[in-house]
Amino acid sequence: MSNELKPKPTPNQTMIYQIKIKGHLAREWTDWFEGLTITLEEDGNTLLTGPVLDQAALHGLLKKVRDLGMPLVSVSPVQFDETHPY
């Protein structure tokens, strides 16, 4: 276990999130989900990944998931890594 402190985002820093929902979502929904990358997983879930401006924007995305009627599996912030676009 590392005692190294991880930098916390500043209030103006965009965070990368992964939102996992149960069921497959067509890629045509990318625009509705504000450009998040849609990845269809083999287990039947959909992973939405991308930058989220702030907590209000995150809640807006979660409302869209709710409005689709698809069960929410998880919401996870992703540690930014310069080797990956998200």
PDB file of N, CA and C in Angstrom:
ATOM      1  N   MET A   1       0.850  -1.180   0.000  1.00  0.00           N
ATOM      2  CA  MET A   1       0.000   0.000   0.000  1.00  0.00           C
ATOM      3  C   MET A   1       0.894   1.242   0.000  1.00  0.00           C
ATOM      4  N   SER A   2       0.587   2.159  -0.836  1.00  0.00           N
ATOM      5  CA  SER A   2       1.402   3.355  -0.992  1.00  0.00           C
ATOM      6  C   SER A   2       0.866   4.478  -0.121  1.00  0.00           C
ATOM      7  N   ASN A   3       1.774   5.239   0.466  1.00  0.00           N
ATOM      8  CA  ASN A   3       1.395   6.415   1.231  1.00  0.00           C
ATOM      9  C   ASN A   3       1.453   7.669   0.384  1.00  0.00           C
ATOM     10  N   GLU A   4       1.719   7.491  -0.903  1.00  0.00           N
ATOM     11  CA  GLU A   4       1.843   8.621  -1.816  1.00  0.00           C
ATOM     12  C   GLU A   4       0.484   9.296  -1.977  1.00  0.00           C
ATOM     13  N   LEU A   5       0.469  10.613  -1.808  1.00  0.00           N
ATOM     14  CA  LEU A   5      -0.773  11.367  -1.964  1.00  0.00           C
ATOM     15  C   LEU A   5      -1.094  11.544  -3.432  1.00  0.00           C
ATOM     16  N   LYS A   6      -2.333  11.342  -3.775  1.00  0.00           N
ATOM     17  CA  LYS A   6      -2.770  11.566  -5.148  1.00  0.00           C
ATOM     18  C   LYS A   6      -3.341  12.976  -5.218  1.00  0.00           C
ATOM     19  N   PRO A   7      -2.989  13.712  -6.255  1.00  0.00           N
ATOM     20  CA  PRO A   7      -3.500  15.083  -6.345  1.00  0.00           C
ATOM     21  C   PRO A   7      -5.014  15.087  -6.491  1.00  0.00           C
ATOM     22  N   LYS A   8      -5.649  15.969  -5.735  1.00  0.00           N
ATOM     23  CA  LYS A   8      -7.100  16.117  -5.839  1.00  0.00           C
ATOM     24  C   LYS A   8      -7.403  17.147  -6.908  1.00  0.00           C
ATOM     25  N   PRO A   9      -8.506  16.941  -7.638  1.00  0.00           N
ATOM     26  CA  PRO A   9      -8.828  17.918  -8.675  1.00  0.00           C
ATOM     27  C   PRO A   9      -9.227  19.247  -8.059  1.00  0.00           C
ATOM     28  N   THR A  10      -8.887  20.300  -8.747  1.00  0.00           N
ATOM     29  CA  THR A  10      -9.315  21.620  -8.320  1.00  0.00           C
ATOM     30  C   THR A  10     -10.756  21.803  -8.764  1.00  0.00           C
ATOM     31  N   PRO A  11     -11.480  22.748  -8.177  1.00  0.00           N
ATOM     32  CA  PRO A  11     -12.884  22.933  -8.548  1.00  0.00           C
ATOM     33  C   PRO A  11     -13.114  23.177 -10.037  1.00  0.00           C
ATOM     34  N   ASN A  12     -12.152  23.751 -10.739  1.00  0.00           N
ATOM     35  CA  ASN A  12     -12.322  24.058 -12.159  1.00  0.00           C
ATOM     36  C   ASN A  12     -11.778  22.966 -13.075  1.00  0.00           C
ATOM     37  N   GLN A  13     -11.269  21.870 -12.514  1.00  0.00           N
ATOM     38  CA  GLN A  13     -10.665  20.815 -13.316  1.00  0.00           C
ATOM     39  C   GLN A  13     -11.720  19.791 -13.726  1.00  0.00           C
ATOM     40  N   THR A  14     -11.753  19.484 -15.012  1.00  0.00           N
ATOM     41  CA  THR A  14     -12.679  18.482 -15.529  1.00  0.00           C
ATOM     42  C   THR A  14     -12.220  17.100 -15.096  1.00  0.00           C
ATOM     43  N   MET A  15     -13.171  16.285 -14.630  1.00  0.00           N
ATOM     44  CA  MET A  15     -12.872  14.912 -14.215  1.00  0.00           C
ATOM     45  C   MET A  15     -13.324  13.959 -15.311  1.00  0.00           C
ATOM     46  N   ILE A  16     -12.649  12.826 -15.388  1.00  0.00           N
ATOM     47  CA  ILE A  16     -13.039  11.763 -16.298  1.00  0.00           C
ATOM     48  C   ILE A  16     -13.848  10.757 -15.480  1.00  0.00           C
ATOM     49  N   TYR A  17     -15.008  10.369 -15.992  1.00  0.00           N
ATOM     50  CA  TYR A  17     -15.872   9.408 -15.300  1.00  0.00           C
ATOM     51  C   TYR A  17     -16.178   8.230 -16.199  1.00  0.00           C
ATOM     52  N   GLN A  18     -16.452   7.093 -15.555  1.00  0.00           N
ATOM     53  CA  GLN A  18     -16.999   5.924 -16.225  1.00  0.00           C
ATOM     54  C   GLN A  18     -18.332   5.635 -15.568  1.00  0.00           C
ATOM     55  N   ILE A  19     -19.370   5.600 -16.386  1.00  0.00           N
ATOM     56  CA  ILE A  19     -20.718   5.301 -15.922  1.00  0.00           C
ATOM     57  C   ILE A  19     -21.116   3.985 -16.564  1.00  0.00           C
ATOM     58  N   LYS A  20     -21.393   2.993 -15.736  1.00  0.00           N
ATOM     59  CA  LYS A  20     -21.760   1.676 -16.253  1.00  0.00           C
ATOM     60  C   LYS A  20     -23.259   1.479 -16.073  1.00  0.00           C
ATOM     61  N   ILE A  21     -23.935   1.082 -17.172  1.00  0.00           N
ATOM     62  CA  ILE A  21     -25.369   0.817 -17.116  1.00  0.00           C
ATOM     63  C   ILE A  21     -25.643  -0.598 -17.614  1.00  0.00           C
ATOM     64  N   LYS A  22     -26.717  -1.179 -17.098  1.00  0.00           N
ATOM     65  CA  LYS A  22     -27.085  -2.543 -17.468  1.00  0.00           C
ATOM     66  C   LYS A  22     -27.806  -2.515 -18.810  1.00  0.00           C
ATOM     67  N   GLY A  23     -27.327  -3.313 -19.741  1.00  0.00           N
ATOM     68  CA  GLY A  23     -27.906  -3.365 -21.078  1.00  0.00           C
ATOM     69  C   GLY A  23     -27.025  -2.652 -22.079  1.00  0.00           C
ATOM     70  N   HIS A  24     -27.239  -2.958 -23.336  1.00  0.00           N
ATOM     71  CA  HIS A  24     -26.452  -2.327 -24.394  1.00  0.00           C
ATOM     72  C   HIS A  24     -27.185  -1.104 -24.932  1.00  0.00           C
ATOM     73  N   LEU A  25     -26.435  -0.059 -25.114  1.00  0.00           N
ATOM     74  CA  LEU A  25     -26.932   1.207 -25.620  1.00  0.00           C
ATOM     75  C   LEU A  25     -26.318   1.436 -26.997  1.00  0.00           C
ATOM     76  N   ALA A  26     -27.127   1.799 -27.965  1.00  0.00           N
ATOM     77  CA  ALA A  26     -26.631   2.037 -29.322  1.00  0.00           C
ATOM     78  C   ALA A  26     -25.693   3.245 -29.349  1.00  0.00           C
ATOM     79  N   ARG A  27     -24.724   3.208 -30.233  1.00  0.00           N
ATOM     80  CA  ARG A  27     -23.738   4.292 -30.349  1.00  0.00           C
ATOM     81  C   ARG A  27     -24.379   5.615 -30.780  1.00  0.00           C
ATOM     82  N   GLU A  28     -25.573   5.549 -31.332  1.00  0.00           N
ATOM     83  CA  GLU A  28     -26.266   6.776 -31.750  1.00  0.00           C
ATOM     84  C   GLU A  28     -26.589   7.690 -30.569  1.00  0.00           C
ATOM     85  N   TRP A  29     -26.492   7.185 -29.348  1.00  0.00           N
ATOM     86  CA  TRP A  29     -26.787   7.966 -28.157  1.00  0.00           C
ATOM     87  C   TRP A  29     -25.612   8.838 -27.726  1.00  0.00           C
ATOM     88  N   THR A  30     -24.490   8.783 -28.429  1.00  0.00           N
ATOM     89  CA  THR A  30     -23.299   9.543 -28.049  1.00  0.00           C
ATOM     90  C   THR A  30     -23.605  11.036 -27.908  1.00  0.00           C
ATOM     91  N   ASP A  31     -24.306  11.612 -28.859  1.00  0.00           N
ATOM     92  CA  ASP A  31     -24.620  13.045 -28.788  1.00  0.00           C
ATOM     93  C   ASP A  31     -25.471  13.371 -27.566  1.00  0.00           C
ATOM     94  N   TRP A  32     -26.437  12.512 -27.265  1.00  0.00           N
ATOM     95  CA  TRP A  32     -27.321  12.748 -26.121  1.00  0.00           C
ATOM     96  C   TRP A  32     -26.540  12.696 -24.816  1.00  0.00           C
ATOM     97  N   PHE A  33     -25.504  11.842 -24.793  1.00  0.00           N
ATOM     98  CA  PHE A  33     -24.655  11.745 -23.615  1.00  0.00           C
ATOM     99  C   PHE A  33     -23.431  12.648 -23.731  1.00  0.00           C
ATOM    100  N   GLU A  34     -23.596  13.756 -24.433  1.00  0.00           N
ATOM    101  CA  GLU A  34     -22.615  14.835 -24.502  1.00  0.00           C
ATOM    102  C   GLU A  34     -21.224  14.376 -24.925  1.00  0.00           C
ATOM    103  N   GLY A  35     -21.170  13.451 -25.894  1.00  0.00           N
ATOM    104  CA  GLY A  35     -19.913  13.035 -26.466  1.00  0.00           C
ATOM    105  C   GLY A  35     -19.149  11.969 -25.702  1.00  0.00           C
ATOM    106  N   LEU A  36     -19.731  11.416 -24.642  1.00  0.00           N
ATOM    107  CA  LEU A  36     -19.043  10.349 -23.926  1.00  0.00           C
ATOM    108  C   LEU A  36     -18.859   9.157 -24.852  1.00  0.00           C
ATOM    109  N   THR A  37     -17.759   8.446 -24.673  1.00  0.00           N
ATOM    110  CA  THR A  37     -17.492   7.250 -25.457  1.00  0.00           C
ATOM    111  C   THR A  37     -18.386   6.124 -24.962  1.00  0.00           C
ATOM    112  N   ILE A  38     -19.045   5.434 -25.890  1.00  0.00           N
ATOM    113  CA  ILE A  38     -19.920   4.313 -25.546  1.00  0.00           C
ATOM    114  C   ILE A  38     -19.191   3.023 -25.878  1.00  0.00           C
ATOM    115  N   THR A  39     -18.984   2.188 -24.858  1.00  0.00           N
ATOM    116  CA  THR A  39     -18.328   0.902 -25.034  1.00  0.00           C
ATOM    117  C   THR A  39     -19.294  -0.198 -24.614  1.00  0.00           C
ATOM    118  N   LEU A  40     -19.573  -1.117 -25.531  1.00  0.00           N
ATOM    119  CA  LEU A  40     -20.449  -2.243 -25.224  1.00  0.00           C
ATOM    120  C   LEU A  40     -19.592  -3.370 -24.666  1.00  0.00           C
ATOM    121  N   GLU A  41     -19.879  -3.792 -23.457  1.00  0.00           N
ATOM    122  CA  GLU A  41     -19.095  -4.831 -22.805  1.00  0.00           C
ATOM    123  C   GLU A  41     -19.693  -6.203 -23.082  1.00  0.00           C
ATOM    124  N   GLU A  42     -18.851  -7.223 -23.022  1.00  0.00           N
ATOM    125  CA  GLU A  42     -19.284  -8.587 -23.309  1.00  0.00           C
ATOM    126  C   GLU A  42     -20.320  -9.100 -22.313  1.00  0.00           C
ATOM    127  N   ASP A  43     -20.319  -8.541 -21.100  1.00  0.00           N
ATOM    128  CA  ASP A  43     -21.264  -9.000 -20.080  1.00  0.00           C
ATOM    129  C   ASP A  43     -22.656  -8.398 -20.246  1.00  0.00           C
ATOM    130  N   GLY A  44     -22.851  -7.637 -21.327  1.00  0.00           N
ATOM    131  CA  GLY A  44     -24.166  -7.060 -21.599  1.00  0.00           C
ATOM    132  C   GLY A  44     -24.345  -5.651 -21.067  1.00  0.00           C
ATOM    133  N   ASN A  45     -23.318  -5.104 -20.433  1.00  0.00           N
ATOM    134  CA  ASN A  45     -23.394  -3.740 -19.912  1.00  0.00           C
ATOM    135  C   ASN A  45     -22.822  -2.744 -20.913  1.00  0.00           C
ATOM    136  N   THR A  46     -23.127  -1.480 -20.695  1.00  0.00           N
ATOM    137  CA  THR A  46     -22.579  -0.385 -21.490  1.00  0.00           C
ATOM    138  C   THR A  46     -21.751   0.494 -20.572  1.00  0.00           C
ATOM    139  N   LEU A  47     -20.584   0.901 -21.043  1.00  0.00           N
ATOM    140  CA  LEU A  47     -19.706   1.787 -20.292  1.00  0.00           C
ATOM    141  C   LEU A  47     -19.645   3.124 -21.021  1.00  0.00           C
ATOM    142  N   LEU A  48     -20.024   4.185 -20.330  1.00  0.00           N
ATOM    143  CA  LEU A  48     -19.932   5.549 -20.849  1.00  0.00           C
ATOM    144  C   LEU A  48     -18.705   6.180 -20.202  1.00  0.00           C
ATOM    145  N   THR A  49     -17.767   6.665 -21.011  1.00  0.00           N
ATOM    146  CA  THR A  49     -16.521   7.200 -20.483  1.00  0.00           C
ATOM    147  C   THR A  49     -16.222   8.557 -21.105  1.00  0.00           C
ATOM    148  N   GLY A  50     -15.794   9.494 -20.275  1.00  0.00           N
ATOM    149  CA  GLY A  50     -15.392  10.777 -20.811  1.00  0.00           C
ATOM    150  C   GLY A  50     -15.346  11.865 -19.767  1.00  0.00           C
ATOM    151  N   PRO A  51     -14.977  13.068 -20.214  1.00  0.00           N
ATOM    152  CA  PRO A  51     -14.851  14.197 -19.293  1.00  0.00           C
ATOM    153  C   PRO A  51     -16.214  14.722 -18.861  1.00  0.00           C
ATOM    154  N   VAL A  52     -16.298  15.077 -17.590  1.00  0.00           N
ATOM    155  CA  VAL A  52     -17.513  15.668 -17.025  1.00  0.00           C
ATOM    156  C   VAL A  52     -17.082  16.958 -16.340  1.00  0.00           C
ATOM    157  N   LEU A  53     -17.663  18.056 -16.745  1.00  0.00           N
ATOM    158  CA  LEU A  53     -17.232  19.384 -16.311  1.00  0.00           C
ATOM    159  C   LEU A  53     -17.283  19.573 -14.797  1.00  0.00           C
ATOM    160  N   ASP A  54     -18.405  19.162 -14.186  1.00  0.00           N
ATOM    161  CA  ASP A  54     -18.567  19.368 -12.746  1.00  0.00           C
ATOM    162  C   ASP A  54     -19.658  18.438 -12.220  1.00  0.00           C
ATOM    163  N   GLN A  55     -19.956  18.552 -10.940  1.00  0.00           N
ATOM    164  CA  GLN A  55     -20.950  17.678 -10.322  1.00  0.00           C
ATOM    165  C   GLN A  55     -22.346  17.896 -10.902  1.00  0.00           C
ATOM    166  N   ALA A  56     -22.670  19.117 -11.260  1.00  0.00           N
ATOM    167  CA  ALA A  56     -23.972  19.389 -11.866  1.00  0.00           C
ATOM    168  C   ALA A  56     -24.097  18.649 -13.200  1.00  0.00           C
ATOM    169  N   ALA A  57     -23.030  18.647 -13.991  1.00  0.00           N
ATOM    170  CA  ALA A  57     -23.038  17.929 -15.269  1.00  0.00           C
ATOM    171  C   ALA A  57     -23.143  16.424 -15.036  1.00  0.00           C
ATOM    172  N   LEU A  58     -22.476  15.915 -14.013  1.00  0.00           N
ATOM    173  CA  LEU A  58     -22.563  14.490 -13.689  1.00  0.00           C
ATOM    174  C   LEU A  58     -23.995  14.118 -13.324  1.00  0.00           C
ATOM    175  N   HIS A  59     -24.626  14.916 -12.510  1.00  0.00           N
ATOM    176  CA  HIS A  59     -26.018  14.646 -12.138  1.00  0.00           C
ATOM    177  C   HIS A  59     -26.935  14.710 -13.356  1.00  0.00           C
ATOM    178  N   GLY A  60     -26.643  15.611 -14.285  1.00  0.00           N
ATOM    179  CA  GLY A  60     -27.422  15.681 -15.520  1.00  0.00           C
ATOM    180  C   GLY A  60     -27.300  14.404 -16.336  1.00  0.00           C
ATOM    181  N   LEU A  61     -26.082  13.854 -16.413  1.00  0.00           N
ATOM    182  CA  LEU A  61     -25.878  12.596 -17.130  1.00  0.00           C
ATOM    183  C   LEU A  61     -26.619  11.447 -16.440  1.00  0.00           C
ATOM    184  N   LEU A  62     -26.585  11.439 -15.114  1.00  0.00           N
ATOM    185  CA  LEU A  62     -27.276  10.382 -14.375  1.00  0.00           C
ATOM    186  C   LEU A  62     -28.795  10.476 -14.550  1.00  0.00           C
ATOM    187  N   LYS A  63     -29.317  11.691 -14.687  1.00  0.00           N
ATOM    188  CA  LYS A  63     -30.744  11.858 -14.970  1.00  0.00           C
ATOM    189  C   LYS A  63     -31.096  11.278 -16.333  1.00  0.00           C
ATOM    190  N   LYS A  64     -30.190  11.424 -17.299  1.00  0.00           N
ATOM    191  CA  LYS A  64     -30.430  10.865 -18.632  1.00  0.00           C
ATOM    192  C   LYS A  64     -30.472   9.337 -18.575  1.00  0.00           C
ATOM    193  N   VAL A  65     -29.580   8.749 -17.774  1.00  0.00           N
ATOM    194  CA  VAL A  65     -29.606   7.294 -17.597  1.00  0.00           C
ATOM    195  C   VAL A  65     -30.956   6.892 -16.992  1.00  0.00           C
ATOM    196  N   ARG A  66     -31.373   7.614 -15.977  1.00  0.00           N
ATOM    197  CA  ARG A  66     -32.666   7.348 -15.342  1.00  0.00           C
ATOM    198  C   ARG A  66     -33.808   7.457 -16.346  1.00  0.00           C
ATOM    199  N   ASP A  67     -33.775   8.494 -17.170  1.00  0.00           N
ATOM    200  CA  ASP A  67     -34.842   8.718 -18.145  1.00  0.00           C
ATOM    201  C   ASP A  67     -34.920   7.607 -19.184  1.00  0.00           C
ATOM    202  N   LEU A  68     -33.791   6.957 -19.463  1.00  0.00           N
ATOM    203  CA  LEU A  68     -33.781   5.829 -20.396  1.00  0.00           C
ATOM    204  C   LEU A  68     -34.416   4.586 -19.775  1.00  0.00           C
ATOM    205  N   GLY A  69     -34.467   4.561 -18.452  1.00  0.00           N
ATOM    206  CA  GLY A  69     -35.020   3.404 -17.765  1.00  0.00           C
ATOM    207  C   GLY A  69     -34.038   2.247 -17.678  1.00  0.00           C
ATOM    208  N   MET A  70     -32.758   2.520 -17.899  1.00  0.00           N
ATOM    209  CA  MET A  70     -31.735   1.478 -17.819  1.00  0.00           C
ATOM    210  C   MET A  70     -31.113   1.514 -16.426  1.00  0.00           C
ATOM    211  N   PRO A  71     -30.970   0.358 -15.777  1.00  0.00           N
ATOM    212  CA  PRO A  71     -30.412   0.332 -14.432  1.00  0.00           C
ATOM    213  C   PRO A  71     -28.950   0.812 -14.402  1.00  0.00           C
ATOM    214  N   LEU A  72     -28.655   1.643 -13.421  1.00  0.00           N
ATOM    215  CA  LEU A  72     -27.303   2.134 -13.200  1.00  0.00           C
ATOM    216  C   LEU A  72     -26.528   1.076 -12.423  1.00  0.00           C
ATOM    217  N   VAL A  73     -25.358   0.693 -12.933  1.00  0.00           N
ATOM    218  CA  VAL A  73     -24.522  -0.304 -12.266  1.00  0.00           C
ATOM    219  C   VAL A  73     -23.477   0.384 -11.395  1.00  0.00           C
ATOM    220  N   SER A  74     -22.767   1.383 -11.958  1.00  0.00           N
ATOM    221  CA  SER A  74     -21.739   2.072 -11.185  1.00  0.00           C
ATOM    222  C   SER A  74     -21.376   3.412 -11.808  1.00  0.00           C
ATOM    223  N   VAL A  75     -20.797   4.271 -10.981  1.00  0.00           N
ATOM    224  CA  VAL A  75     -20.243   5.557 -11.414  1.00  0.00           C
ATOM    225  C   VAL A  75     -18.878   5.662 -10.766  1.00  0.00           C
ATOM    226  N   SER A  76     -17.836   5.820 -11.583  1.00  0.00           N
ATOM    227  CA  SER A  76     -16.474   5.845 -11.048  1.00  0.00           C
ATOM    228  C   SER A  76     -15.652   6.955 -11.673  1.00  0.00           C
ATOM    229  N   PRO A  77     -14.988   7.771 -10.842  1.00  0.00           N
ATOM    230  CA  PRO A  77     -14.023   8.713 -11.401  1.00  0.00           C
ATOM    231  C   PRO A  77     -12.805   7.917 -11.861  1.00  0.00           C
ATOM    232  N   VAL A  78     -12.186   8.361 -12.942  1.00  0.00           N
ATOM    233  CA  VAL A  78     -11.033   7.675 -13.502  1.00  0.00           C
ATOM    234  C   VAL A  78      -9.814   8.549 -13.293  1.00  0.00           C
ATOM    235  N   GLN A  79      -8.748   7.939 -12.815  1.00  0.00           N
ATOM    236  CA  GLN A  79      -7.490   8.679 -12.643  1.00  0.00           C
ATOM    237  C   GLN A  79      -6.977   9.084 -14.017  1.00  0.00           C
ATOM    238  N   PHE A  80      -6.706  10.347 -14.228  1.00  0.00           N
ATOM    239  CA  PHE A  80      -6.223  10.832 -15.510  1.00  0.00           C
ATOM    240  C   PHE A  80      -4.840  10.248 -15.779  1.00  0.00           C
ATOM    241  N   ASP A  81      -4.665   9.736 -16.980  1.00  0.00           N
ATOM    242  CA  ASP A  81      -3.378   9.162 -17.388  1.00  0.00           C
ATOM    243  C   ASP A  81      -3.087   9.710 -18.780  1.00  0.00           C
ATOM    244  N   GLU A  82      -1.973  10.373 -18.932  1.00  0.00           N
ATOM    245  CA  GLU A  82      -1.666  11.040 -20.186  1.00  0.00           C
ATOM    246  C   GLU A  82      -1.492  10.066 -21.358  1.00  0.00           C
ATOM    247  N   THR A  83      -1.356   8.765 -21.081  1.00  0.00           N
ATOM    248  CA  THR A  83      -1.205   7.798 -22.163  1.00  0.00           C
ATOM    249  C   THR A  83      -2.542   7.396 -22.737  1.00  0.00           C
ATOM    250  N   HIS A  84      -3.629   7.765 -22.103  1.00  0.00           N
ATOM    251  CA  HIS A  84      -4.970   7.435 -22.584  1.00  0.00           C
ATOM    252  C   HIS A  84      -5.753   8.713 -22.779  1.00  0.00           C
ATOM    253  N   PRO A  85      -6.586   8.791 -23.834  1.00  0.00           N
ATOM    254  CA  PRO A  85      -7.360  10.001 -24.051  1.00  0.00           C
ATOM    255  C   PRO A  85      -8.372  10.233 -22.946  1.00  0.00           C
ATOM    256  N   TYR A  86      -8.871   9.154 -22.302  1.00  0.00           N
ATOM    257  CA  TYR A  86      -9.810   9.263 -21.177  1.00  0.00           C
ATOM    258  C   TYR A  86      -9.307   8.409 -20.061  1.00  0.00           C
TER     259      TYR A  86
END
